[in-house]
């Protein structure tokens, strides 16, 4: 399985991250809408209210683009 682009994924795609629950996926989407992209594992842990994330989970997450916005749809 590939990596999930945390800052572009919709809630359903976020659920492909092992161990991530629906309410956590919703919290990620809400945080991004209010504060912008999630920059790193530490910030993601805080968003999820966890003390840390297992390495196996982090291996499935791509934080890019953490410093930009989602690309426009083709033809937009």
Protein backbone atom coordinates (compact mmCIF):
# COMPACT_ATOMS: atom_id res chain seq x y z
CA UNK A 1 0.00 0.00 0.00
CA UNK A 2 1.11 3.53 -0.73
CA UNK A 3 1.37 6.55 1.48
CA UNK A 4 -1.62 8.74 2.33
CA UNK A 5 -1.16 12.43 1.52
CA UNK A 6 -2.39 13.74 4.87
CA UNK A 7 -2.93 17.33 3.75
CA UNK A 8 -4.88 16.44 0.60
CA UNK A 9 -6.79 13.30 1.60
CA UNK A 10 -10.52 13.24 2.20
CA UNK A 11 -11.92 11.51 5.30
CA UNK A 12 -12.34 8.17 3.51
CA UNK A 13 -8.74 8.24 2.25
CA UNK A 14 -7.50 9.13 5.75
CA UNK A 15 -9.08 5.92 7.04
CA UNK A 16 -6.47 4.01 5.01
CA UNK A 17 -3.97 5.01 7.72
CA UNK A 18 -3.70 2.00 10.07
CA UNK A 19 -5.45 2.55 13.40
CA UNK A 20 -7.05 5.87 12.44
CA UNK A 21 -10.68 6.13 13.53
CA UNK A 22 -13.48 8.04 11.77
CA UNK A 23 -13.60 10.78 14.45
CA UNK A 24 -9.84 11.26 14.08
CA UNK A 25 -10.14 11.57 10.29
CA UNK A 26 -12.85 14.18 10.82
CA UNK A 27 -10.60 16.02 13.32
CA UNK A 28 -7.80 16.15 10.73
CA UNK A 29 -10.12 17.58 8.07
CA UNK A 30 -11.53 20.14 10.53
CA UNK A 31 -8.05 21.19 11.68
CA UNK A 32 -6.86 21.65 8.08
CA UNK A 33 -9.92 23.78 7.25
CA UNK A 34 -9.37 26.03 10.27
CA UNK A 35 -5.56 26.15 10.55
CA UNK A 36 -4.05 24.94 7.28
CA UNK A 37 -1.82 21.96 6.56
CA UNK A 38 -0.43 19.67 9.24
CA UNK A 39 3.35 20.07 9.17
CA UNK A 40 4.70 17.01 10.97
CA UNK A 41 4.10 14.01 13.22
CA UNK A 42 4.17 16.12 16.39
CA UNK A 43 1.43 18.40 15.16
CA UNK A 44 -0.62 15.42 13.96
CA UNK A 45 -0.30 13.81 17.41
CA UNK A 46 -1.62 16.99 19.02
CA UNK A 47 -4.54 17.18 16.56
CA UNK A 48 -5.45 13.58 17.39
CA UNK A 49 -4.94 14.03 21.14
CA UNK A 50 -2.32 11.29 21.23
CA UNK A 51 1.06 11.27 22.93
CA UNK A 52 2.68 9.86 19.80
CA UNK A 53 2.18 7.73 16.73
CA UNK A 54 3.64 4.29 15.98
CA UNK A 55 6.39 4.16 13.34
CA UNK A 56 4.22 1.89 11.19
CA UNK A 57 1.60 4.62 11.02
CA UNK A 58 4.14 7.32 10.23
CA UNK A 59 5.53 5.22 7.40
CA UNK A 60 2.11 5.42 5.70
CA UNK A 61 1.78 9.23 5.96
CA UNK A 62 3.08 11.84 3.53
CA UNK A 63 2.91 15.35 5.03
CA UNK A 64 3.51 17.14 1.71
CA UNK A 65 2.32 19.63 0.76
CA UNK A 66 2.58 20.96 4.28
CA UNK A 67 3.56 24.44 3.18
CA UNK A 68 1.06 25.06 0.42
CA UNK A 69 -2.49 24.61 -0.63
CA UNK A 70 -4.08 21.80 -2.54
CA UNK A 71 -3.56 22.04 -6.28
CA UNK A 72 -6.45 23.21 -8.38
CA UNK A 73 -8.41 20.64 -10.29
CA UNK A 74 -7.34 20.25 -13.90
CA UNK A 75 -9.12 22.77 -16.07
CA UNK A 76 -10.13 24.95 -13.12
